[in-house]
C-alpha atoms as a PDB file:
ATOM      1  CA  MET A   1      16.565 -34.775   1.289  1.00  0.00           C
ATOM      2  CA  ASN A   2      19.504 -35.093  -1.000  1.00  0.00           C
ATOM      3  CA  HIS A   3      17.828 -33.749  -4.082  1.00  0.00           C
ATOM      4  CA  PRO A   4      20.282 -31.643  -6.149  1.00  0.00           C
ATOM      5  CA  TRP A   5      17.914 -28.671  -6.282  1.00  0.00           C
ATOM      6  CA  ILE A   6      17.522 -28.636  -2.499  1.00  0.00           C
ATOM      7  CA  ILE A   7      21.286 -28.733  -2.024  1.00  0.00           C
ATOM      8  CA  TYR A   8      21.798 -25.974  -4.605  1.00  0.00           C
ATOM      9  CA  LEU A   9      19.070 -23.782  -3.112  1.00  0.00           C
ATOM     10  CA  THR A  10      20.434 -24.239   0.415  1.00  0.00           C
ATOM     11  CA  ALA A  11      23.950 -23.309  -0.686  1.00  0.00           C
ATOM     12  CA  TYR A  12      22.739 -20.347  -2.730  1.00  0.00           C
ATOM     13  CA  LEU A  13      20.640 -18.944   0.098  1.00  0.00           C
ATOM     14  CA  GLY A  14      23.477 -19.517   2.564  1.00  0.00           C
ATOM     15  CA  VAL A  15      25.844 -17.446   0.423  1.00  0.00           C
ATOM     16  CA  ARG A  16      23.239 -14.687  -0.015  1.00  0.00           C
ATOM     17  CA  VAL A  17      22.514 -14.524   3.720  1.00  0.00           C
ATOM     18  CA  HIS A  18      26.221 -14.446   4.555  1.00  0.00           C
ATOM     19  CA  ARG A  19      26.828 -11.667   2.021  1.00  0.00           C
ATOM     20  CA  ALA A  20      23.894  -9.645   3.369  1.00  0.00           C
ATOM     21  CA  ARG A  21      25.042 -10.009   6.970  1.00  0.00           C
ATOM     22  CA  THR A  22      28.637  -9.025   6.298  1.00  0.00           C
ATOM     23  CA  ALA A  23      27.974  -6.149   3.896  1.00  0.00           C
ATOM     24  CA  PRO A  24      29.389  -2.874   5.262  1.00  0.00           C
ATOM     25  CA  THR A  25      26.387  -0.843   4.060  1.00  0.00           C
ATOM     26  CA  ARG A  26      23.730  -3.103   5.533  1.00  0.00           C
ATOM     27  CA  GLY A  27      22.351  -0.406   7.846  1.00  0.00           C
ATOM     28  CA  ALA A  28      22.397   2.297   5.194  1.00  0.00           C
ATOM     29  CA  SER A  29      20.326   0.124   2.896  1.00  0.00           C
ATOM     30  CA  ALA A  30      17.712  -0.397   5.590  1.00  0.00           C
ATOM     31  CA  VAL A  31      17.526   3.348   6.242  1.00  0.00           C
ATOM     32  CA  GLU A  32      17.070   4.003   2.527  1.00  0.00           C
ATOM     33  CA  TRP A  33      14.185   1.529   2.394  1.00  0.00           C
ATOM     34  CA  VAL A  34      12.527   3.184   5.398  1.00  0.00           C
ATOM     35  CA  ILE A  35      12.840   6.615   3.791  1.00  0.00           C
ATOM     36  CA  ILE A  36      11.492   5.402   0.451  1.00  0.00           C
ATOM     37  CA  THR A  37       8.591   3.646   2.172  1.00  0.00           C
ATOM     38  CA  ALA A  38       7.766   6.770   4.183  1.00  0.00           C
ATOM     39  CA  ILE A  39       7.755   8.896   1.027  1.00  0.00           C
ATOM     40  CA  VAL A  40       5.496   6.459  -0.821  1.00  0.00           C
ATOM     41  CA  ALA A  41       3.142   6.243   2.167  1.00  0.00           C
ATOM     42  CA  GLY A  42       3.018  10.041   2.401  1.00  0.00           C
ATOM     43  CA  VAL A  43       2.203  10.402  -1.286  1.00  0.00           C
ATOM     44  CA  ALA A  44      -0.497   7.728  -1.024  1.00  0.00           C
ATOM     45  CA  LEU A  45      -2.029   9.448   2.015  1.00  0.00           C
ATOM     46  CA  GLY A  46      -1.971  12.794   0.237  1.00  0.00           C
ATOM     47  CA  LEU A  47      -3.658  11.357  -2.842  1.00  0.00           C
ATOM     48  CA  ALA A  48      -6.278   9.615  -0.717  1.00  0.00           C
ATOM     49  CA  THR A  49      -7.053  12.914   1.029  1.00  0.00           C
ATOM     50  CA  VAL A  50      -7.381  14.773  -2.272  1.00  0.00           C
ATOM     51  CA  ILE A  51      -9.593  12.068  -3.772  1.00  0.00           C
ATOM     52  CA  ARG A  52     -11.799  11.986  -0.676  1.00  0.00           C
ATOM     53  CA  THR A  53     -12.226  15.763  -0.764  1.00  0.00           C
ATOM     54  CA  LEU A  54     -13.144  15.704  -4.463  1.00  0.00           C
ATOM     55  CA  VAL A  55     -15.654  12.891  -3.943  1.00  0.00           C
ATOM     56  CA  GLU A  56     -17.277  14.703  -1.011  1.00  0.00           C
ATOM     57  CA  GLN A  57     -17.544  17.902  -3.074  1.00  0.00           C
ATOM     58  CA  LYS A  58     -19.116  16.025  -5.972  1.00  0.00           C
ATOM     59  CA  GLN A  59     -21.490  14.275  -3.551  1.00  0.00           C
ATOM     60  CA  GLU A  60     -22.580  17.650  -2.218  1.00  0.00           C
ATOM     61  CA  GLU A  61     -23.135  18.974  -5.759  1.00  0.00           C
ATOM     62  CA  ILE A  62     -25.242  15.951  -6.665  1.00  0.00           C
ATOM     63  CA  GLY A  63     -27.241  16.260  -3.459  1.00  0.00           C
ATOM     64  CA  GLN A  64     -27.969  19.923  -4.159  1.00  0.00           C
ATOM     65  CA  SER A  65     -29.007  19.181  -7.740  1.00  0.00           C
ATOM     66  CA  PHE A  66     -31.630  16.749  -6.429  1.00  0.00           C
ATOM     67  CA  GLY A  67     -32.784  19.218  -3.793  1.00  0.00           C
ATOM     68  CA  ASP A  68     -31.350  17.170  -0.908  1.00  0.00           C
ATOM     69  CA  SER A  69     -34.417  14.939  -0.907  1.00  0.00           C
ATOM     70  CA  GLY A  70     -32.489  12.395   1.131  1.00  0.00           C
ATOM     71  CA  GLY A  71     -33.916   9.462  -0.778  1.00  0.00           C
ATOM     72  CA  GLY A  72     -31.327   7.140   0.716  1.00  0.00           C
ATOM     73  CA  GLY A  73     -31.314   4.881  -2.341  1.00  0.00           C
ATOM     74  CA  GLY A  74     -34.343   3.005  -1.106  1.00  0.00           C
ATOM     75  CA  GLY A  75     -35.440  -0.199  -2.672  1.00  0.00           C
ATOM     76  CA  ALA A  76     -37.484  -3.265  -1.828  1.00  0.00           C
ATOM     77  CA  ASP A  77     -35.415  -3.769   1.350  1.00  0.00           C
ATOM     78  CA  ASP A  78     -36.537  -0.527   3.017  1.00  0.00           C
ATOM     79  CA  GLY A  79     -38.773  -1.409   5.888  1.00  0.00           C
END
């Protein structure tokens, strides 16, 4: 295709790829992204653990307040 936008986009991406490949700090940037991603993943895992613990504690409190009858949330579908 010889559409002007296709030609422009191809040239633009070619320049960006060339600049990214020849940048002297290319490896350092990748390491920074890995570190940032690891930190974010660690924070997310920590928050998930805290939330899970709080939910389990609240579940236990609710179960004790109902006398642990084990109702199971039964409805019309129960056997």
